[in-house]
């Protein structure tokens, strides 16, 4: 039996907040940067992906940045939030992409409403880290892909907001005499490759980037996270953060991490994952004992300084 980590109503509220935030700002530089990196990875694949599914997170940024990459002809955009899907649909009407047939679906990554072996590409930017059953969701993505289909995703890693975690822990211990999780749990880099392998993807690849974003204060950072929909959505979380604890967190953050210019840094670790559905044309490792040349022969042939 799979127990939930995240509270679904909080996730829906987070998506709603994110959709409203994007509507106000019209653009999100951080998400755009990550989506651009995913597009570069897609561009490196010398293969056409006629049918693609875009899962949760930065849907609109991905749609705008495709620009013919991957030779996509049909794009399905899916999110658990109706408001986010509606936002993307409205944006598509304002700036239509006539070369791509786009459809919009309200659905859950953990119960993917997609026919098996029907997609050439599944892409997700900052959406899958909210999933309760991440291995299960990735398995469903693999099953939805055609043979030799590509899975491409970016998720937040475990080092994300490490400064905020430390400051909040110190403040809670001081003010409340104990701690409760205030930042949602995230996957570690060492787990990413195992997730791809466990889901059954072949040729797994993992890349990691770290971004440092500067804010005027910790309170500005917290407000930004709230507006992005990236606050705590744990099912078993403590009561709302007390005002005095929040102020203490800001003070600890400033004293421990403030820069010379008065700003405070926030680290965002991003894990990029690439995997393929198995196909006979893909290269495979040779079996044990199949080598025809020993390392000793290679050493004799090329010499060694040791």
C-alpha atoms as a PDB file:
ATOM      1  CA  UNK A   1       0.000   0.000   0.000  1.00  0.00           C
ATOM      2  CA  UNK A   2       1.339   3.432  -0.988  1.00  0.00           C
ATOM      3  CA  UNK A   3       0.904   6.160   1.621  1.00  0.00           C
ATOM      4  CA  UNK A   4       0.775   9.782   0.470  1.00  0.00           C
ATOM      5  CA  UNK A   5       3.489  12.254   1.403  1.00  0.00           C
ATOM      6  CA  UNK A   6       1.866  15.354  -0.041  1.00  0.00           C
ATOM      7  CA  UNK A   7      -1.619  16.683   0.698  1.00  0.00           C
ATOM      8  CA  UNK A   8      -3.506  16.875  -2.604  1.00  0.00           C
ATOM      9  CA  UNK A   9      -5.487  20.011  -1.640  1.00  0.00           C
ATOM     10  CA  UNK A  10      -2.214  21.808  -0.822  1.00  0.00           C
ATOM     11  CA  UNK A  11      -0.815  20.739  -4.184  1.00  0.00           C
ATOM     12  CA  UNK A  12      -3.906  22.088  -5.946  1.00  0.00           C
ATOM     13  CA  UNK A  13      -3.598  25.361  -3.995  1.00  0.00           C
ATOM     14  CA  UNK A  14       0.107  25.542  -4.877  1.00  0.00           C
ATOM     15  CA  UNK A  15      -0.660  25.136  -8.583  1.00  0.00           C
ATOM     16  CA  UNK A  16      -3.341  27.827  -8.304  1.00  0.00           C
ATOM     17  CA  UNK A  17      -0.901  30.221  -6.626  1.00  0.00           C
ATOM     18  CA  UNK A  18       1.702  29.470  -9.285  1.00  0.00           C
ATOM     19  CA  UNK A  19      -0.759  30.106 -12.114  1.00  0.00           C
ATOM     20  CA  UNK A  20      -1.777  33.459 -10.602  1.00  0.00           C
ATOM     21  CA  UNK A  21       1.873  34.400 -10.083  1.00  0.00           C
ATOM     22  CA  UNK A  22       2.777  33.655 -13.708  1.00  0.00           C
ATOM     23  CA  UNK A  23      -0.271  35.569 -14.885  1.00  0.00           C
ATOM     24  CA  UNK A  24       0.920  38.633 -12.966  1.00  0.00           C
ATOM     25  CA  UNK A  25       4.588  38.486 -13.937  1.00  0.00           C
ATOM     26  CA  UNK A  26       4.045  37.231 -17.498  1.00  0.00           C
ATOM     27  CA  UNK A  27       7.368  35.440 -17.304  1.00  0.00           C
ATOM     28  CA  UNK A  28       9.447  33.429 -14.857  1.00  0.00           C
ATOM     29  CA  UNK A  29      13.185  33.814 -15.474  1.00  0.00           C
ATOM     30  CA  UNK A  30      14.185  30.859 -13.284  1.00  0.00           C
ATOM     31  CA  UNK A  31      11.728  28.435 -14.907  1.00  0.00           C
ATOM     32  CA  UNK A  32      12.620  29.806 -18.330  1.00  0.00           C
ATOM     33  CA  UNK A  33      16.297  29.074 -17.665  1.00  0.00           C
ATOM     34  CA  UNK A  34      15.555  25.469 -16.689  1.00  0.00           C
ATOM     35  CA  UNK A  35      13.219  24.948 -19.641  1.00  0.00           C
ATOM     36  CA  UNK A  36      15.900  26.340 -21.961  1.00  0.00           C
ATOM     37  CA  UNK A  37      18.363  23.754 -20.630  1.00  0.00           C
ATOM     38  CA  UNK A  38      15.811  20.998 -21.286  1.00  0.00           C
ATOM     39  CA  UNK A  39      15.353  22.314 -24.821  1.00  0.00           C
ATOM     40  CA  UNK A  40      19.117  22.103 -25.391  1.00  0.00           C
ATOM     41  CA  UNK A  41      19.030  18.463 -24.271  1.00  0.00           C
ATOM     42  CA  UNK A  42      16.131  17.835 -26.640  1.00  0.00           C
ATOM     43  CA  UNK A  43      17.966  19.573 -29.476  1.00  0.00           C
ATOM     44  CA  UNK A  44      20.968  17.275 -28.965  1.00  0.00           C
ATOM     45  CA  UNK A  45      18.760  14.262 -29.842  1.00  0.00           C
ATOM     46  CA  UNK A  46      18.940  13.771 -33.607  1.00  0.00           C
ATOM     47  CA  UNK A  47      15.494  12.226 -33.702  1.00  0.00           C
ATOM     48  CA  UNK A  48      11.924  13.352 -34.378  1.00  0.00           C
ATOM     49  CA  UNK A  49       9.293  13.172 -31.631  1.00  0.00           C
ATOM     50  CA  UNK A  50       5.926  13.639 -33.397  1.00  0.00           C
ATOM     51  CA  UNK A  51       3.768  13.143 -30.290  1.00  0.00           C
ATOM     52  CA  UNK A  52       4.804  14.683 -26.965  1.00  0.00           C
ATOM     53  CA  UNK A  53       3.358  14.987 -23.456  1.00  0.00           C
ATOM     54  CA  UNK A  54       4.297  17.910 -21.213  1.00  0.00           C
ATOM     55  CA  UNK A  55       3.717  17.156 -17.521  1.00  0.00           C
ATOM     56  CA  UNK A  56       3.027  19.726 -14.774  1.00  0.00           C
ATOM     57  CA  UNK A  57       5.265  22.561 -13.660  1.00  0.00           C
ATOM     58  CA  UNK A  58       6.456  25.070 -16.272  1.00  0.00           C
ATOM     59  CA  UNK A  59       4.029  24.149 -19.046  1.00  0.00           C
ATOM     60  CA  UNK A  60       3.781  27.547 -20.668  1.00  0.00           C
ATOM     61  CA  UNK A  61       7.548  28.145 -20.692  1.00  0.00           C
ATOM     62  CA  UNK A  62       8.117  24.821 -22.446  1.00  0.00           C
ATOM     63  CA  UNK A  63       5.433  25.526 -25.029  1.00  0.00           C
ATOM     64  CA  UNK A  64       6.965  28.913 -25.857  1.00  0.00           C
ATOM     65  CA  UNK A  65      10.515  27.543 -26.097  1.00  0.00           C
ATOM     66  CA  UNK A  66       9.856  24.512 -28.303  1.00  0.00           C
ATOM     67  CA  UNK A  67      10.203  26.492 -31.559  1.00  0.00           C
ATOM     68  CA  UNK A  68      10.431  23.447 -33.789  1.00  0.00           C
ATOM     69  CA  UNK A  69      12.778  21.477 -31.539  1.00  0.00           C
ATOM     70  CA  UNK A  70      12.160  17.741 -31.645  1.00  0.00           C
ATOM     71  CA  UNK A  71       9.980  18.022 -34.757  1.00  0.00           C
ATOM     72  CA  UNK A  72       6.893  17.837 -32.520  1.00  0.00           C
ATOM     73  CA  UNK A  73       3.591  17.726 -34.387  1.00  0.00           C
ATOM     74  CA  UNK A  74       1.164  16.994 -31.541  1.00  0.00           C
ATOM     75  CA  UNK A  75       1.608  18.320 -27.995  1.00  0.00           C
ATOM     76  CA  UNK A  76      -0.450  17.286 -24.960  1.00  0.00           C
ATOM     77  CA  UNK A  77      -0.155  19.645 -21.979  1.00  0.00           C
ATOM     78  CA  UNK A  78      -1.265  18.143 -18.646  1.00  0.00           C
ATOM     79  CA  UNK A  79      -1.464  19.434 -15.082  1.00  0.00           C
ATOM     80  CA  UNK A  80      -3.403  18.517 -11.935  1.00  0.00           C
ATOM     81  CA  UNK A  81      -4.648  22.107 -11.668  1.00  0.00           C
ATOM     82  CA  UNK A  82      -7.511  23.270 -13.888  1.00  0.00           C
ATOM     83  CA  UNK A  83      -6.363  26.882 -13.404  1.00  0.00           C
ATOM     84  CA  UNK A  84      -2.876  26.111 -14.689  1.00  0.00           C
ATOM     85  CA  UNK A  85      -4.273  24.272 -17.728  1.00  0.00           C
ATOM     86  CA  UNK A  86      -6.667  27.167 -18.409  1.00  0.00           C
ATOM     87  CA  UNK A  87      -3.799  29.651 -18.174  1.00  0.00           C
ATOM     88  CA  UNK A  88      -1.825  27.669 -20.755  1.00  0.00           C
ATOM     89  CA  UNK A  89      -4.866  27.364 -23.027  1.00  0.00           C
ATOM     90  CA  UNK A  90      -5.469  31.117 -22.874  1.00  0.00           C
ATOM     91  CA  UNK A  91      -1.797  31.812 -23.609  1.00  0.00           C
ATOM     92  CA  UNK A  92      -1.954  29.451 -26.586  1.00  0.00           C
ATOM     93  CA  UNK A  93      -4.880  31.401 -27.983  1.00  0.00           C
ATOM     94  CA  UNK A  94      -2.990  34.677 -27.565  1.00  0.00           C
ATOM     95  CA  UNK A  95       0.212  33.351 -29.189  1.00  0.00           C
ATOM     96  CA  UNK A  96      -0.777  30.254 -31.178  1.00  0.00           C
ATOM     97  CA  UNK A  97       1.758  27.798 -32.571  1.00  0.00           C
ATOM     98  CA  UNK A  98       0.193  26.776 -35.848  1.00  0.00           C
ATOM     99  CA  UNK A  99       2.832  24.115 -36.560  1.00  0.00           C
ATOM    100  CA  UNK A 100       1.905  22.097 -33.447  1.00  0.00           C
ATOM    101  CA  UNK A 101      -1.515  20.630 -32.660  1.00  0.00           C
ATOM    102  CA  UNK A 102      -1.926  21.346 -28.941  1.00  0.00           C
ATOM    103  CA  UNK A 103      -4.435  19.783 -26.548  1.00  0.00           C
ATOM    104  CA  UNK A 104      -4.929  20.406 -22.819  1.00  0.00           C
ATOM    105  CA  UNK A 105      -5.704  17.788 -20.157  1.00  0.00           C
ATOM    106  CA  UNK A 106      -6.381  17.980 -16.409  1.00  0.00           C
ATOM    107  CA  UNK A 107      -4.811  14.821 -14.992  1.00  0.00           C
ATOM    108  CA  UNK A 108      -2.615  13.262 -12.329  1.00  0.00           C
ATOM    109  CA  UNK A 109       0.930  12.052 -13.053  1.00  0.00           C
ATOM    110  CA  UNK A 110       0.338   9.141 -10.666  1.00  0.00           C
ATOM    111  CA  UNK A 111      -2.670   7.968 -12.705  1.00  0.00           C
ATOM    112  CA  UNK A 112      -1.586   8.920 -16.197  1.00  0.00           C
ATOM    113  CA  UNK A 113      -4.649   9.104 -18.511  1.00  0.00           C
ATOM    114  CA  UNK A 114      -2.587   8.246 -21.585  1.00  0.00           C
ATOM    115  CA  UNK A 115      -2.774   5.160 -23.785  1.00  0.00           C
ATOM    116  CA  UNK A 116       0.180   2.785 -23.523  1.00  0.00           C
ATOM    117  CA  UNK A 117       2.872   3.089 -26.231  1.00  0.00           C
ATOM    118  CA  UNK A 118       1.310   6.223 -27.712  1.00  0.00           C
ATOM    119  CA  UNK A 119       3.958   8.915 -27.082  1.00  0.00           C
ATOM    120  CA  UNK A 120       7.359   9.683 -28.546  1.00  0.00           C
ATOM    121  CA  UNK A 121       8.389  12.133 -25.817  1.00  0.00           C
ATOM    122  CA  UNK A 122       7.495  12.872 -22.191  1.00  0.00           C
ATOM    123  CA  UNK A 123       8.912  16.118 -20.830  1.00  0.00           C
ATOM    124  CA  UNK A 124       8.505  17.711 -17.401  1.00  0.00           C
ATOM    125  CA  UNK A 125      10.056  20.790 -15.819  1.00  0.00           C
ATOM    126  CA  UNK A 126       9.630  21.296 -12.043  1.00  0.00           C
ATOM    127  CA  UNK A 127       6.523  19.145 -11.761  1.00  0.00           C
ATOM    128  CA  UNK A 128       7.502  15.629 -10.724  1.00  0.00           C
ATOM    129  CA  UNK A 129       9.085  16.566  -7.377  1.00  0.00           C
ATOM    130  CA  UNK A 130       5.510  17.009  -6.053  1.00  0.00           C
ATOM    131  CA  UNK A 131       4.614  13.398  -6.851  1.00  0.00           C
ATOM    132  CA  UNK A 132       3.841  11.038  -3.958  1.00  0.00           C
ATOM    133  CA  UNK A 133       4.920   7.927  -5.897  1.00  0.00           C
ATOM    134  CA  UNK A 134       7.727   9.211  -8.114  1.00  0.00           C
ATOM    135  CA  UNK A 135       8.959   5.726  -9.235  1.00  0.00           C
ATOM    136  CA  UNK A 136       5.380   4.750 -10.077  1.00  0.00           C
ATOM    137  CA  UNK A 137       4.805   7.960 -12.047  1.00  0.00           C
ATOM    138  CA  UNK A 138       8.025   7.397 -13.991  1.00  0.00           C
ATOM    139  CA  UNK A 139       7.021   3.800 -14.739  1.00  0.00           C
ATOM    140  CA  UNK A 140       3.729   5.077 -16.157  1.00  0.00           C
ATOM    141  CA  UNK A 141       5.642   7.574 -18.271  1.00  0.00           C
ATOM    142  CA  UNK A 142       7.793   4.743 -19.655  1.00  0.00           C
ATOM    143  CA  UNK A 143       4.734   2.632 -20.460  1.00  0.00           C
ATOM    144  CA  UNK A 144       3.116   5.575 -22.248  1.00  0.00           C
ATOM    145  CA  UNK A 145       6.182   5.944 -24.475  1.00  0.00           C
ATOM    146  CA  UNK A 146       6.640   4.084 -27.723  1.00  0.00           C
ATOM    147  CA  UNK A 147       9.777   1.928 -28.049  1.00  0.00           C
ATOM    148  CA  UNK A 148      12.788   4.276 -28.336  1.00  0.00           C
ATOM    149  CA  UNK A 149      10.711   7.095 -26.832  1.00  0.00           C
ATOM    150  CA  UNK A 150      12.437   9.714 -24.671  1.00  0.00           C
ATOM    151  CA  UNK A 151      11.756  10.744 -21.068  1.00  0.00           C
ATOM    152  CA  UNK A 152      13.196  14.152 -20.193  1.00  0.00           C
ATOM    153  CA  UNK A 153      12.653  15.816 -16.808  1.00  0.00           C
ATOM    154  CA  UNK A 154      14.015  18.453 -14.448  1.00  0.00           C
ATOM    155  CA  UNK A 155      13.267  18.238 -10.725  1.00  0.00           C
ATOM    156  CA  UNK A 156      14.484  20.105  -7.666  1.00  0.00           C
ATOM    157  CA  UNK A 157      17.239  18.243  -5.789  1.00  0.00           C
ATOM    158  CA  UNK A 158      17.844  17.718  -2.094  1.00  0.00           C
ATOM    159  CA  UNK A 159      20.300  20.630  -1.732  1.00  0.00           C
ATOM    160  CA  UNK A 160      17.588  23.108  -2.735  1.00  0.00           C
ATOM    161  CA  UNK A 161      17.000  25.832  -0.112  1.00  0.00           C
ATOM    162  CA  UNK A 162      19.642  24.381   2.187  1.00  0.00           C
ATOM    163  CA  UNK A 163      20.211  27.805   3.752  1.00  0.00           C
ATOM    164  CA  UNK A 164      16.503  28.160   4.574  1.00  0.00           C
ATOM    165  CA  UNK A 165      16.378  24.664   6.077  1.00  0.00           C
ATOM    166  CA  UNK A 166      19.299  25.427   8.382  1.00  0.00           C
ATOM    167  CA  UNK A 167      17.953  28.823   9.440  1.00  0.00           C
ATOM    168  CA  UNK A 168      14.458  27.465  10.065  1.00  0.00           C
ATOM    169  CA  UNK A 169      15.806  24.539  12.121  1.00  0.00           C
ATOM    170  CA  UNK A 170      17.912  26.812  14.321  1.00  0.00           C
ATOM    171  CA  UNK A 171      15.001  29.248  14.813  1.00  0.00           C
ATOM    172  CA  UNK A 172      12.501  26.507  15.661  1.00  0.00           C
ATOM    173  CA  UNK A 173      14.832  24.906  18.193  1.00  0.00           C
ATOM    174  CA  UNK A 174      15.353  28.289  19.832  1.00  0.00           C
ATOM    175  CA  UNK A 175      11.719  29.479  19.831  1.00  0.00           C
ATOM    176  CA  UNK A 176       9.709  26.249  20.006  1.00  0.00           C
ATOM    177  CA  UNK A 177      12.107  23.704  21.504  1.00  0.00           C
ATOM    178  CA  UNK A 178      11.659  21.294  18.579  1.00  0.00           C
ATOM    179  CA  UNK A 179      11.434  21.099  14.799  1.00  0.00           C
ATOM    180  CA  UNK A 180       8.894  20.098  12.185  1.00  0.00           C
ATOM    181  CA  UNK A 181       9.464  19.894   8.409  1.00  0.00           C
ATOM    182  CA  UNK A 182       8.955  23.270   6.739  1.00  0.00           C
ATOM    183  CA  UNK A 183      10.378  22.413   3.313  1.00  0.00           C
ATOM    184  CA  UNK A 184       9.055  19.491   1.279  1.00  0.00           C
ATOM    185  CA  UNK A 185      11.395  16.477   0.889  1.00  0.00           C
ATOM    186  CA  UNK A 186      13.285  16.289  -2.396  1.00  0.00           C
ATOM    187  CA  UNK A 187      15.210  13.582  -4.231  1.00  0.00           C
ATOM    188  CA  UNK A 188      18.970  13.305  -3.773  1.00  0.00           C
ATOM    189  CA  UNK A 189      21.310  13.243  -6.761  1.00  0.00           C
ATOM    190  CA  UNK A 190      22.457   9.713  -5.913  1.00  0.00           C
ATOM    191  CA  UNK A 191      18.835   8.538  -6.146  1.00  0.00           C
ATOM    192  CA  UNK A 192      18.115   9.977  -9.601  1.00  0.00           C
ATOM    193  CA  UNK A 193      19.938   7.278 -11.564  1.00  0.00           C
ATOM    194  CA  UNK A 194      18.347   4.578  -9.427  1.00  0.00           C
ATOM    195  CA  UNK A 195      14.915   6.077 -10.128  1.00  0.00           C
ATOM    196  CA  UNK A 196      15.484   5.888 -13.888  1.00  0.00           C
ATOM    197  CA  UNK A 197      16.747   2.297 -13.663  1.00  0.00           C
ATOM    198  CA  UNK A 198      13.946   1.243 -11.318  1.00  0.00           C
ATOM    199  CA  UNK A 199      11.388   2.695 -13.736  1.00  0.00           C
ATOM    200  CA  UNK A 200      12.843   0.529 -16.509  1.00  0.00           C
ATOM    201  CA  UNK A 201      14.450   3.242 -18.639  1.00  0.00           C
ATOM    202  CA  UNK A 202      17.496   2.390 -20.715  1.00  0.00           C
ATOM    203  CA  UNK A 203      20.548   4.586 -21.325  1.00  0.00           C
ATOM    204  CA  UNK A 204      19.853   6.617 -18.154  1.00  0.00           C
ATOM    205  CA  UNK A 205      21.631   9.935 -17.778  1.00  0.00           C
ATOM    206  CA  UNK A 206      21.676  12.419 -14.887  1.00  0.00           C
ATOM    207  CA  UNK A 207      23.021  15.986 -14.872  1.00  0.00           C
ATOM    208  CA  UNK A 208      23.055  18.408 -11.950  1.00  0.00           C
ATOM    209  CA  UNK A 209      23.118  22.206 -11.849  1.00  0.00           C
ATOM    210  CA  UNK A 210      23.063  24.574  -8.904  1.00  0.00           C
ATOM    211  CA  UNK A 211      21.663  28.086  -9.115  1.00  0.00           C
ATOM    212  CA  UNK A 212      22.079  30.825  -6.515  1.00  0.00           C
ATOM    213  CA  UNK A 213      19.307  33.422  -6.426  1.00  0.00           C
ATOM    214  CA  UNK A 214      19.747  36.543  -4.286  1.00  0.00           C
ATOM    215  CA  UNK A 215      16.944  38.165  -2.271  1.00  0.00           C
ATOM    216  CA  UNK A 216      16.734  41.310  -0.177  1.00  0.00           C
ATOM    217  CA  UNK A 217      15.675  39.267   2.865  1.00  0.00           C
ATOM    218  CA  UNK A 218      14.516  35.811   3.934  1.00  0.00           C
ATOM    219  CA  UNK A 219      10.959  37.116   4.113  1.00  0.00           C
ATOM    220  CA  UNK A 220      11.165  38.074   0.425  1.00  0.00           C
ATOM    221  CA  UNK A 221      12.365  34.540  -0.342  1.00  0.00           C
ATOM    222  CA  UNK A 222       9.482  32.959   1.591  1.00  0.00           C
ATOM    223  CA  UNK A 223       6.958  35.220  -0.137  1.00  0.00           C
ATOM    224  CA  UNK A 224       8.466  34.331  -3.502  1.00  0.00           C
ATOM    225  CA  UNK A 225       8.175  30.600  -2.728  1.00  0.00           C
ATOM    226  CA  UNK A 226       4.549  31.066  -1.734  1.00  0.00           C
ATOM    227  CA  UNK A 227       3.739  32.913  -4.949  1.00  0.00           C
ATOM    228  CA  UNK A 228       5.492  30.200  -6.980  1.00  0.00           C
ATOM    229  CA  UNK A 229       3.432  27.487  -5.274  1.00  0.00           C
ATOM    230  CA  UNK A 230       6.590  25.872  -3.888  1.00  0.00           C
ATOM    231  CA  UNK A 231       5.754  25.898  -0.176  1.00  0.00           C
ATOM    232  CA  UNK A 232       5.309  22.918   2.134  1.00  0.00           C
ATOM    233  CA  UNK A 233       2.522  20.540   1.040  1.00  0.00           C
ATOM    234  CA  UNK A 234       3.325  17.671   3.406  1.00  0.00           C
ATOM    235  CA  UNK A 235       0.358  15.640   4.600  1.00  0.00           C
ATOM    236  CA  UNK A 236       1.825  15.339   8.120  1.00  0.00           C
ATOM    237  CA  UNK A 237       3.148  18.808   8.739  1.00  0.00           C
ATOM    238  CA  UNK A 238       3.065  20.949  11.842  1.00  0.00           C
ATOM    239  CA  UNK A 239       0.952  24.008  12.489  1.00  0.00           C
ATOM    240  CA  UNK A 240       1.455  27.200  10.555  1.00  0.00           C
ATOM    241  CA  UNK A 241       4.820  28.845  11.206  1.00  0.00           C
ATOM    242  CA  UNK A 242       4.497  31.239  14.138  1.00  0.00           C
ATOM    243  CA  UNK A 243       5.252  34.905  13.543  1.00  0.00           C
ATOM    244  CA  UNK A 244       8.072  35.022  16.079  1.00  0.00           C
ATOM    245  CA  UNK A 245       9.607  31.876  14.572  1.00  0.00           C
ATOM    246  CA  UNK A 246       9.404  33.354  11.075  1.00  0.00           C
ATOM    247  CA  UNK A 247      11.123  36.549  12.250  1.00  0.00           C
ATOM    248  CA  UNK A 248      13.771  34.486  14.066  1.00  0.00           C
ATOM    249  CA  UNK A 249      14.324  32.474  10.875  1.00  0.00           C
ATOM    250  CA  UNK A 250      14.904  35.679   8.928  1.00  0.00           C
ATOM    251  CA  UNK A 251      17.357  36.923  11.568  1.00  0.00           C
ATOM    252  CA  UNK A 252      19.297  33.624  11.634  1.00  0.00           C
ATOM    253  CA  UNK A 253      19.338  33.486   7.821  1.00  0.00           C
ATOM    254  CA  UNK A 254      20.735  37.019   7.653  1.00  0.00           C
ATOM    255  CA  UNK A 255      23.374  36.432  10.329  1.00  0.00           C
ATOM    256  CA  UNK A 256      24.604  33.141   8.839  1.00  0.00           C
ATOM    257  CA  UNK A 257      24.380  33.694   5.088  1.00  0.00           C
ATOM    258  CA  UNK A 258      24.101  37.427   4.270  1.00  0.00           C
ATOM    259  CA  UNK A 259      26.373  38.714   1.485  1.00  0.00           C
ATOM    260  CA  UNK A 260      28.476  41.874   1.665  1.00  0.00           C
ATOM    261  CA  UNK A 261      25.893  43.745  -0.416  1.00  0.00           C
ATOM    262  CA  UNK A 262      23.166  42.974   2.130  1.00  0.00           C
ATOM    263  CA  UNK A 263      21.362  40.340   0.063  1.00  0.00           C
ATOM    264  CA  UNK A 264      20.844  36.739   1.114  1.00  0.00           C
ATOM    265  CA  UNK A 265      21.502  33.766  -1.235  1.00  0.00           C
ATOM    266  CA  UNK A 266      19.134  30.860  -1.870  1.00  0.00           C
ATOM    267  CA  UNK A 267      20.427  27.685  -3.496  1.00  0.00           C
ATOM    268  CA  UNK A 268      18.316  25.782  -6.013  1.00  0.00           C
ATOM    269  CA  UNK A 269      19.703  22.396  -7.046  1.00  0.00           C
ATOM    270  CA  UNK A 270      18.202  21.059 -10.272  1.00  0.00           C
ATOM    271  CA  UNK A 271      18.501  17.446 -11.409  1.00  0.00           C
ATOM    272  CA  UNK A 272      18.060  16.744 -15.122  1.00  0.00           C
ATOM    273  CA  UNK A 273      17.062  13.157 -15.932  1.00  0.00           C
ATOM    274  CA  UNK A 274      17.109  11.469 -19.335  1.00  0.00           C
ATOM    275  CA  UNK A 275      15.952   7.944 -20.136  1.00  0.00           C
ATOM    276  CA  UNK A 276      14.676   5.934 -23.094  1.00  0.00           C
ATOM    277  CA  UNK A 277      12.135   3.169 -23.518  1.00  0.00           C
ATOM    278  CA  UNK A 278      13.926   0.012 -24.602  1.00  0.00           C
ATOM    279  CA  UNK A 279      14.363  -0.632 -28.322  1.00  0.00           C
ATOM    280  CA  UNK A 280      16.401  -3.151 -30.297  1.00  0.00           C
ATOM    281  CA  UNK A 281      18.355  -0.370 -32.051  1.00  0.00           C
ATOM    282  CA  UNK A 282      19.849   0.961 -28.805  1.00  0.00           C
ATOM    283  CA  UNK A 283      23.414   0.121 -27.843  1.00  0.00           C
ATOM    284  CA  UNK A 284      23.742  -2.442 -25.073  1.00  0.00           C
ATOM    285  CA  UNK A 285      26.569  -3.411 -22.763  1.00  0.00           C
ATOM    286  CA  UNK A 286      28.319  -6.674 -23.571  1.00  0.00           C
ATOM    287  CA  UNK A 287      27.766  -9.594 -21.247  1.00  0.00           C
ATOM    288  CA  UNK A 288      30.303 -10.682 -18.654  1.00  0.00           C
ATOM    289  CA  UNK A 289      33.117 -12.767 -20.074  1.00  0.00           C
ATOM    290  CA  UNK A 290      32.606 -11.575 -23.658  1.00  0.00           C
ATOM    291  CA  UNK A 291      35.836  -9.537 -23.843  1.00  0.00           C
ATOM    292  CA  UNK A 292      38.383 -10.686 -26.428  1.00  0.00           C
ATOM    293  CA  UNK A 293      41.302  -8.537 -25.191  1.00  0.00           C
ATOM    294  CA  UNK A 294      42.617  -8.432 -21.639  1.00  0.00           C
ATOM    295  CA  UNK A 295      43.798  -5.311 -19.818  1.00  0.00           C
ATOM    296  CA  UNK A 296      47.238  -6.911 -19.549  1.00  0.00           C
ATOM    297  CA  UNK A 297      47.480  -7.082 -23.355  1.00  0.00           C
ATOM    298  CA  UNK A 298      46.402  -3.430 -23.614  1.00  0.00           C
ATOM    299  CA  UNK A 299      49.027  -2.448 -21.037  1.00  0.00           C
ATOM    300  CA  UNK A 300      51.738  -4.281 -22.972  1.00  0.00           C
ATOM    301  CA  UNK A 301      50.639  -2.690 -26.263  1.00  0.00           C
ATOM    302  CA  UNK A 302      50.478   0.921 -25.072  1.00  0.00           C
ATOM    303  CA  UNK A 303      52.985   0.745 -22.237  1.00  0.00           C
ATOM    304  CA  UNK A 304      52.650   2.065 -18.704  1.00  0.00           C
ATOM    305  CA  UNK A 305      54.598   4.516 -16.590  1.00  0.00           C
ATOM    306  CA  UNK A 306      53.673   2.781 -13.337  1.00  0.00           C
END
